[in-house]
Amino acid sequence: MGLRELKKEQTRQLIADTAFRLFADRGFEKVSVAQIAREAQVAEATVFNYFPSKEDLFYSRLEAFGARLTEEVSARAPGEPVIAAFRRALMAETGLLAQVEAGNSEALARLRTVSRVVDASPALRAREQQAITRNAEALAALLAAETSAGGDDLRPQVAANALLGLHRALIDYVRRRVLADQELTGLAADVRKLTSAAFVLLEDGLRDYAAAGPGYSLAP
């Protein structure tokens, strides 16, 4: 990474960290982009150069993770079904839950803060759903292209929404546990167990769907 790119990434991280701190202290709705810019000591236009909306300041990581899921599916080996690649990518996530499981108290505090801020903000909950919908659309487009699906073939959309629906369910489960102020030392293990069970539920219907490789056909 060159010096210019490093500087841009540092500015982006400064803005995101400043926004998160203000959201945690005051709540999402009570913080303006102008306040974030002032605290970060950058121009308001600079904030918008990096983050098109205030919601982007909060959800850029979720959207980046969704993009990585689609990239993992796209890069899967020939013959590997989409569900296997998606499961591997989802189970390999090393975000806040992994840090909490490792005993990182700062990660635990951040997880509690994120859950609280989202729960208190209708705008953030709506944006979260939009982000997951966009991720599902991107995955569906990839699958449609790989399988040469016609406009009347709904299977790419069904498969993508089933997989992203699982991701959505896991997000909701974690948030409920955190907001209930339950003991969270076993949360990551519980999520792994529930994720495995959820994939078992999907496997019968999606086991051989979109197996990458030449000669794949949608013919029944």
C-alpha atoms as a PDB file:
ATOM      1  CA  MET A   1       0.000   0.000   0.000  1.00  0.00           C
ATOM      2  CA  GLY A   2       1.419   3.368  -1.058  1.00  0.00           C
ATOM      3  CA  LEU A   3       1.659   6.396   1.190  1.00  0.00           C
ATOM      4  CA  ARG A   4      -1.408   8.032  -0.354  1.00  0.00           C
ATOM      5  CA  GLU A   5      -3.516   4.903   0.025  1.00  0.00           C
ATOM      6  CA  LEU A   6      -2.325   4.483   3.615  1.00  0.00           C
ATOM      7  CA  LYS A   7      -3.289   8.071   4.407  1.00  0.00           C
ATOM      8  CA  LYS A   8      -6.747   7.562   2.916  1.00  0.00           C
ATOM      9  CA  GLU A   9      -7.274   4.366   4.893  1.00  0.00           C
ATOM     10  CA  GLN A  10      -6.186   6.097   8.103  1.00  0.00           C
ATOM     11  CA  THR A  11      -8.637   8.938   7.449  1.00  0.00           C
ATOM     12  CA  ARG A  12     -11.430   6.479   6.724  1.00  0.00           C
ATOM     13  CA  GLN A  13     -10.704   4.597   9.956  1.00  0.00           C
ATOM     14  CA  LEU A  14     -10.542   7.830  11.957  1.00  0.00           C
ATOM     15  CA  ILE A  15     -13.944   8.903  10.672  1.00  0.00           C
ATOM     16  CA  ALA A  16     -15.489   5.475  11.316  1.00  0.00           C
ATOM     17  CA  ASP A  17     -14.048   5.255  14.845  1.00  0.00           C
ATOM     18  CA  THR A  18     -15.187   8.788  15.667  1.00  0.00           C
ATOM     19  CA  ALA A  19     -18.687   8.073  14.390  1.00  0.00           C
ATOM     20  CA  PHE A  20     -18.931   4.864  16.400  1.00  0.00           C
ATOM     21  CA  ARG A  21     -17.870   6.639  19.594  1.00  0.00           C
ATOM     22  CA  LEU A  22     -20.476   9.359  19.105  1.00  0.00           C
ATOM     23  CA  PHE A  23     -23.202   6.872  18.218  1.00  0.00           C
ATOM     24  CA  ALA A  24     -22.367   4.882  21.351  1.00  0.00           C
ATOM     25  CA  ASP A  25     -22.466   7.983  23.550  1.00  0.00           C
ATOM     26  CA  ARG A  26     -25.526   9.729  22.117  1.00  0.00           C
ATOM     27  CA  GLY A  27     -27.446   7.272  19.953  1.00  0.00           C
ATOM     28  CA  PHE A  28     -27.511   7.123  16.161  1.00  0.00           C
ATOM     29  CA  GLU A  29     -30.370   9.580  15.572  1.00  0.00           C
ATOM     30  CA  LYS A  30     -28.861  12.273  17.793  1.00  0.00           C
ATOM     31  CA  VAL A  31     -25.555  12.492  15.939  1.00  0.00           C
ATOM     32  CA  SER A  32     -25.175  14.445  12.702  1.00  0.00           C
ATOM     33  CA  VAL A  33     -22.547  14.038  10.003  1.00  0.00           C
ATOM     34  CA  ALA A  34     -21.445  17.599  10.740  1.00  0.00           C
ATOM     35  CA  GLN A  35     -20.760  16.634  14.364  1.00  0.00           C
ATOM     36  CA  ILE A  36     -18.783  13.595  13.259  1.00  0.00           C
ATOM     37  CA  ALA A  37     -16.694  15.738  10.897  1.00  0.00           C
ATOM     38  CA  ARG A  38     -16.046  18.284  13.622  1.00  0.00           C
ATOM     39  CA  GLU A  39     -14.937  15.629  16.125  1.00  0.00           C
ATOM     40  CA  ALA A  40     -12.716  13.928  13.539  1.00  0.00           C
ATOM     41  CA  GLN A  41     -11.307  17.318  12.475  1.00  0.00           C
ATOM     42  CA  VAL A  42     -12.135  16.807   8.811  1.00  0.00           C
ATOM     43  CA  ALA A  43     -14.470  18.604   6.422  1.00  0.00           C
ATOM     44  CA  GLU A  44     -18.048  17.339   6.197  1.00  0.00           C
ATOM     45  CA  ALA A  45     -17.447  16.752   2.483  1.00  0.00           C
ATOM     46  CA  THR A  46     -14.555  14.462   3.414  1.00  0.00           C
ATOM     47  CA  VAL A  47     -16.901  12.271   5.452  1.00  0.00           C
ATOM     48  CA  PHE A  48     -19.221  11.927   2.477  1.00  0.00           C
ATOM     49  CA  ASN A  49     -16.262  11.116   0.220  1.00  0.00           C
ATOM     50  CA  TYR A  50     -15.696   7.984   2.276  1.00  0.00           C
ATOM     51  CA  PHE A  51     -19.235   7.234   3.443  1.00  0.00           C
ATOM     52  CA  PRO A  52     -22.164   8.261   1.190  1.00  0.00           C
ATOM     53  CA  SER A  53     -24.625   8.327   4.106  1.00  0.00           C
ATOM     54  CA  LYS A  54     -24.624   8.336   7.889  1.00  0.00           C
ATOM     55  CA  GLU A  55     -25.852   4.736   7.870  1.00  0.00           C
ATOM     56  CA  ASP A  56     -22.779   3.760   5.839  1.00  0.00           C
ATOM     57  CA  LEU A  57     -20.620   4.893   8.744  1.00  0.00           C
ATOM     58  CA  PHE A  58     -22.207   2.209  10.872  1.00  0.00           C
ATOM     59  CA  TYR A  59     -22.734  -0.621   8.401  1.00  0.00           C
ATOM     60  CA  SER A  60     -19.696  -0.522   6.121  1.00  0.00           C
ATOM     61  CA  ARG A  61     -18.252  -3.609   7.836  1.00  0.00           C
ATOM     62  CA  LEU A  62     -21.474  -5.617   7.474  1.00  0.00           C
ATOM     63  CA  GLU A  63     -21.634  -4.781   3.782  1.00  0.00           C
ATOM     64  CA  ALA A  64     -17.958  -5.626   3.331  1.00  0.00           C
ATOM     65  CA  PHE A  65     -18.554  -9.004   4.970  1.00  0.00           C
ATOM     66  CA  GLY A  66     -21.517  -9.640   2.675  1.00  0.00           C
ATOM     67  CA  ALA A  67     -19.329  -8.871  -0.312  1.00  0.00           C
ATOM     68  CA  ARG A  68     -16.713 -11.322   0.980  1.00  0.00           C
ATOM     69  CA  LEU A  69     -19.355 -14.066   1.207  1.00  0.00           C
ATOM     70  CA  THR A  70     -20.228 -13.579  -2.465  1.00  0.00           C
ATOM     71  CA  GLU A  71     -16.533 -13.479  -3.402  1.00  0.00           C
ATOM     72  CA  GLU A  72     -15.938 -16.770  -1.580  1.00  0.00           C
ATOM     73  CA  VAL A  73     -18.808 -18.371  -3.490  1.00  0.00           C
ATOM     74  CA  SER A  74     -17.477 -17.006  -6.775  1.00  0.00           C
ATOM     75  CA  ALA A  75     -13.986 -18.366  -6.067  1.00  0.00           C
ATOM     76  CA  ARG A  76     -15.093 -21.867  -5.053  1.00  0.00           C
ATOM     77  CA  ALA A  77     -13.517 -24.860  -6.753  1.00  0.00           C
ATOM     78  CA  PRO A  78     -15.219 -26.508  -9.746  1.00  0.00           C
ATOM     79  CA  GLY A  79     -17.775 -29.026  -8.543  1.00  0.00           C
ATOM     80  CA  GLU A  80     -18.281 -27.399  -5.140  1.00  0.00           C
ATOM     81  CA  PRO A  81     -21.944 -26.526  -4.482  1.00  0.00           C
ATOM     82  CA  VAL A  82     -22.784 -22.983  -3.463  1.00  0.00           C
ATOM     83  CA  ILE A  83     -24.068 -24.046  -0.038  1.00  0.00           C
ATOM     84  CA  ALA A  84     -20.710 -25.613   0.849  1.00  0.00           C
ATOM     85  CA  ALA A  85     -18.761 -22.508  -0.118  1.00  0.00           C
ATOM     86  CA  PHE A  86     -21.176 -20.201   1.689  1.00  0.00           C
ATOM     87  CA  ARG A  87     -21.055 -22.336   4.819  1.00  0.00           C
ATOM     88  CA  ARG A  88     -17.266 -22.359   4.844  1.00  0.00           C
ATOM     89  CA  ALA A  89     -17.105 -18.579   4.463  1.00  0.00           C
ATOM     90  CA  LEU A  90     -19.709 -17.950   7.156  1.00  0.00           C
ATOM     91  CA  MET A  91     -18.172 -20.372   9.640  1.00  0.00           C
ATOM     92  CA  ALA A  92     -14.714 -18.882   9.088  1.00  0.00           C
ATOM     93  CA  GLU A  93     -15.811 -15.399  10.194  1.00  0.00           C
ATOM     94  CA  THR A  94     -13.373 -14.037  12.791  1.00  0.00           C
ATOM     95  CA  GLY A  95     -15.154 -10.877  13.882  1.00  0.00           C
ATOM     96  CA  LEU A  96     -16.403  -9.699  17.250  1.00  0.00           C
ATOM     97  CA  LEU A  97     -17.743 -13.085  18.348  1.00  0.00           C
ATOM     98  CA  ALA A  98     -14.365 -14.744  17.878  1.00  0.00           C
ATOM     99  CA  GLN A  99     -12.711 -11.944  19.826  1.00  0.00           C
ATOM    100  CA  VAL A 100     -15.281 -12.230  22.614  1.00  0.00           C
ATOM    101  CA  GLU A 101     -14.703 -15.984  22.762  1.00  0.00           C
ATOM    102  CA  ALA A 102     -10.968 -15.301  23.123  1.00  0.00           C
ATOM    103  CA  GLY A 103     -11.702 -13.154  26.183  1.00  0.00           C
ATOM    104  CA  ASN A 104     -11.308  -9.730  24.588  1.00  0.00           C
ATOM    105  CA  SER A 105     -13.206  -7.371  26.912  1.00  0.00           C
ATOM    106  CA  GLU A 106     -13.086  -4.500  24.410  1.00  0.00           C
ATOM    107  CA  ALA A 107     -14.744  -6.688  21.774  1.00  0.00           C
ATOM    108  CA  LEU A 108     -17.452  -7.639  24.269  1.00  0.00           C
ATOM    109  CA  ALA A 109     -18.105  -3.990  25.066  1.00  0.00           C
ATOM    110  CA  ARG A 110     -18.270  -3.169  21.360  1.00  0.00           C
ATOM    111  CA  LEU A 111     -20.690  -6.043  20.704  1.00  0.00           C
ATOM    112  CA  ARG A 112     -22.979  -4.793  23.468  1.00  0.00           C
ATOM    113  CA  THR A 113     -22.769  -1.232  22.144  1.00  0.00           C
ATOM    114  CA  VAL A 114     -23.518  -2.229  18.550  1.00  0.00           C
ATOM    115  CA  SER A 115     -26.525  -4.262  19.652  1.00  0.00           C
ATOM    116  CA  ARG A 116     -27.864  -1.458  21.812  1.00  0.00           C
ATOM    117  CA  VAL A 117     -27.407   1.262  19.184  1.00  0.00           C
ATOM    118  CA  VAL A 118     -29.042  -0.782  16.415  1.00  0.00           C
ATOM    119  CA  ASP A 119     -31.947  -1.824  18.612  1.00  0.00           C
ATOM    120  CA  ALA A 120     -32.658   1.822  19.456  1.00  0.00           C
ATOM    121  CA  SER A 121     -32.561   3.027  15.830  1.00  0.00           C
ATOM    122  CA  PRO A 122     -35.305   2.284  13.279  1.00  0.00           C
ATOM    123  CA  ALA A 123     -33.082   3.830  10.610  1.00  0.00           C
ATOM    124  CA  LEU A 124     -30.240   1.418  11.340  1.00  0.00           C
ATOM    125  CA  ARG A 125     -32.534  -1.602  11.437  1.00  0.00           C
ATOM    126  CA  ALA A 126     -33.962  -0.602   8.063  1.00  0.00           C
ATOM    127  CA  ARG A 127     -30.491  -0.101   6.617  1.00  0.00           C
ATOM    128  CA  GLU A 128     -29.376  -3.469   7.964  1.00  0.00           C
ATOM    129  CA  GLN A 129     -32.211  -5.142   6.088  1.00  0.00           C
ATOM    130  CA  GLN A 130     -31.320  -3.203   2.943  1.00  0.00           C
ATOM    131  CA  ALA A 131     -27.699  -4.331   3.215  1.00  0.00           C
ATOM    132  CA  ILE A 132     -28.707  -7.977   3.530  1.00  0.00           C
ATOM    133  CA  THR A 133     -31.130  -7.604   0.617  1.00  0.00           C
ATOM    134  CA  ARG A 134     -28.361  -6.125  -1.563  1.00  0.00           C
ATOM    135  CA  ASN A 135     -26.042  -8.974  -0.597  1.00  0.00           C
ATOM    136  CA  ALA A 136     -28.731 -11.493  -1.557  1.00  0.00           C
ATOM    137  CA  GLU A 137     -29.247  -9.738  -4.893  1.00  0.00           C
ATOM    138  CA  ALA A 138     -25.512  -9.845  -5.617  1.00  0.00           C
ATOM    139  CA  LEU A 139     -25.326 -13.551  -4.787  1.00  0.00           C
ATOM    140  CA  ALA A 140     -28.437 -14.269  -6.873  1.00  0.00           C
ATOM    141  CA  ALA A 141     -26.920 -12.430  -9.846  1.00  0.00           C
ATOM    142  CA  LEU A 142     -23.737 -14.488  -9.519  1.00  0.00           C
ATOM    143  CA  LEU A 143     -25.667 -17.757  -9.399  1.00  0.00           C
ATOM    144  CA  ALA A 144     -27.887 -16.757 -12.308  1.00  0.00           C
ATOM    145  CA  ALA A 145     -24.826 -16.008 -14.421  1.00  0.00           C
ATOM    146  CA  GLU A 146     -23.094 -19.253 -13.451  1.00  0.00           C
ATOM    147  CA  THR A 147     -26.133 -21.390 -14.253  1.00  0.00           C
ATOM    148  CA  SER A 148     -27.325 -19.399 -17.295  1.00  0.00           C
ATOM    149  CA  ALA A 149     -30.663 -18.979 -15.587  1.00  0.00           C
ATOM    150  CA  GLY A 150     -33.432 -17.421 -17.634  1.00  0.00           C
ATOM    151  CA  GLY A 151     -35.638 -14.602 -16.438  1.00  0.00           C
ATOM    152  CA  ASP A 152     -38.374 -17.051 -15.344  1.00  0.00           C
ATOM    153  CA  ASP A 153     -35.987 -19.194 -13.297  1.00  0.00           C
ATOM    154  CA  LEU A 154     -36.354 -18.182  -9.659  1.00  0.00           C
ATOM    155  CA  ARG A 155     -33.868 -20.655  -8.258  1.00  0.00           C
ATOM    156  CA  PRO A 156     -30.936 -18.211  -8.047  1.00  0.00           C
ATOM    157  CA  GLN A 157     -33.063 -15.794  -6.010  1.00  0.00           C
ATOM    158  CA  VAL A 158     -34.488 -18.583  -3.838  1.00  0.00           C
ATOM    159  CA  ALA A 159     -31.059 -20.013  -3.090  1.00  0.00           C
ATOM    160  CA  ALA A 160     -29.475 -16.627  -2.390  1.00  0.00           C
ATOM    161  CA  ASN A 161     -32.300 -15.497  -0.117  1.00  0.00           C
ATOM    162  CA  ALA A 162     -32.249 -18.784   1.778  1.00  0.00           C
ATOM    163  CA  LEU A 163     -28.531 -18.437   2.459  1.00  0.00           C
ATOM    164  CA  LEU A 164     -28.664 -14.754   3.373  1.00  0.00           C
ATOM    165  CA  GLY A 165     -31.783 -15.470   5.436  1.00  0.00           C
ATOM    166  CA  LEU A 166     -29.661 -17.799   7.532  1.00  0.00           C
ATOM    167  CA  HIS A 167     -27.144 -15.000   8.018  1.00  0.00           C
ATOM    168  CA  ARG A 168     -29.968 -12.635   8.988  1.00  0.00           C
ATOM    169  CA  ALA A 169     -31.286 -15.162  11.531  1.00  0.00           C
ATOM    170  CA  LEU A 170     -27.856 -15.450  13.134  1.00  0.00           C
ATOM    171  CA  ILE A 171     -27.547 -11.679  13.429  1.00  0.00           C
ATOM    172  CA  ASP A 172     -30.959 -11.516  15.106  1.00  0.00           C
ATOM    173  CA  TYR A 173     -30.094 -14.364  17.465  1.00  0.00           C
ATOM    174  CA  VAL A 174     -26.852 -12.755  18.609  1.00  0.00           C
ATOM    175  CA  ARG A 175     -28.571  -9.420  19.146  1.00  0.00           C
ATOM    176  CA  ARG A 176     -31.343 -10.985  21.237  1.00  0.00           C
ATOM    177  CA  ARG A 177     -28.803 -12.755  23.428  1.00  0.00           C
ATOM    178  CA  VAL A 178     -26.740  -9.617  23.925  1.00  0.00           C
ATOM    179  CA  LEU A 179     -29.705  -7.352  24.656  1.00  0.00           C
ATOM    180  CA  ALA A 180     -31.060  -9.869  27.152  1.00  0.00           C
ATOM    181  CA  ASP A 181     -27.769  -9.378  29.035  1.00  0.00           C
ATOM    182  CA  GLN A 182     -27.246 -13.118  29.185  1.00  0.00           C
ATOM    183  CA  GLU A 183     -23.955 -14.805  29.955  1.00  0.00           C
ATOM    184  CA  LEU A 184     -22.035 -14.519  26.688  1.00  0.00           C
ATOM    185  CA  THR A 185     -18.967 -16.663  27.273  1.00  0.00           C
ATOM    186  CA  GLY A 186     -20.559 -19.522  25.325  1.00  0.00           C
ATOM    187  CA  LEU A 187     -22.191 -17.365  22.654  1.00  0.00           C
ATOM    188  CA  ALA A 188     -19.715 -18.111  19.860  1.00  0.00           C
ATOM    189  CA  ALA A 189     -19.965 -21.853  20.471  1.00  0.00           C
ATOM    190  CA  ASP A 190     -23.774 -21.632  20.490  1.00  0.00           C
ATOM    191  CA  VAL A 191     -23.709 -19.712  17.201  1.00  0.00           C
ATOM    192  CA  ARG A 192     -21.506 -22.371  15.597  1.00  0.00           C
ATOM    193  CA  LYS A 193     -23.873 -25.099  16.778  1.00  0.00           C
ATOM    194  CA  LEU A 194     -26.955 -23.276  15.534  1.00  0.00           C
ATOM    195  CA  THR A 195     -25.269 -22.441  12.227  1.00  0.00           C
ATOM    196  CA  SER A 196     -24.445 -26.097  11.641  1.00  0.00           C
ATOM    197  CA  ALA A 197     -28.029 -27.109  12.421  1.00  0.00           C
ATOM    198  CA  ALA A 198     -29.392 -24.436  10.090  1.00  0.00           C
ATOM    199  CA  PHE A 199     -27.214 -25.613   7.212  1.00  0.00           C
ATOM    200  CA  VAL A 200     -28.427 -29.168   7.749  1.00  0.00           C
ATOM    201  CA  LEU A 201     -31.953 -27.812   7.288  1.00  0.00           C
ATOM    202  CA  LEU A 202     -30.981 -26.268   3.939  1.00  0.00           C
ATOM    203  CA  GLU A 203     -28.816 -29.070   2.607  1.00  0.00           C
ATOM    204  CA  ASP A 204     -31.552 -31.392   1.355  1.00  0.00           C
ATOM    205  CA  GLY A 205     -32.957 -28.680  -0.871  1.00  0.00           C
ATOM    206  CA  LEU A 206     -29.681 -27.060  -1.934  1.00  0.00           C
ATOM    207  CA  ARG A 207     -27.161 -29.904  -1.706  1.00  0.00           C
ATOM    208  CA  ASP A 208     -26.329 -30.084  -5.408  1.00  0.00           C
ATOM    209  CA  TYR A 209     -27.533 -26.678  -6.535  1.00  0.00           C
ATOM    210  CA  ALA A 210     -25.068 -24.570  -8.579  1.00  0.00           C
ATOM    211  CA  ALA A 211     -22.166 -26.980  -8.373  1.00  0.00           C
ATOM    212  CA  ALA A 212     -19.535 -24.956 -10.211  1.00  0.00           C
ATOM    213  CA  GLY A 213     -17.965 -26.463 -13.276  1.00  0.00           C
ATOM    214  CA  PRO A 214     -18.370 -26.975 -17.021  1.00  0.00           C
ATOM    215  CA  GLY A 215     -21.442 -28.759 -18.262  1.00  0.00           C
ATOM    216  CA  TYR A 216     -23.694 -27.804 -15.364  1.00  0.00           C
ATOM    217  CA  SER A 217     -27.308 -27.885 -16.452  1.00  0.00           C
ATOM    218  CA  LEU A 218     -30.596 -26.700 -15.004  1.00  0.00           C
ATOM    219  CA  ALA A 219     -32.502 -29.456 -16.765  1.00  0.00           C
ATOM    220  CA  PRO A 220     -34.578 -31.535 -14.323  1.00  0.00           C
END
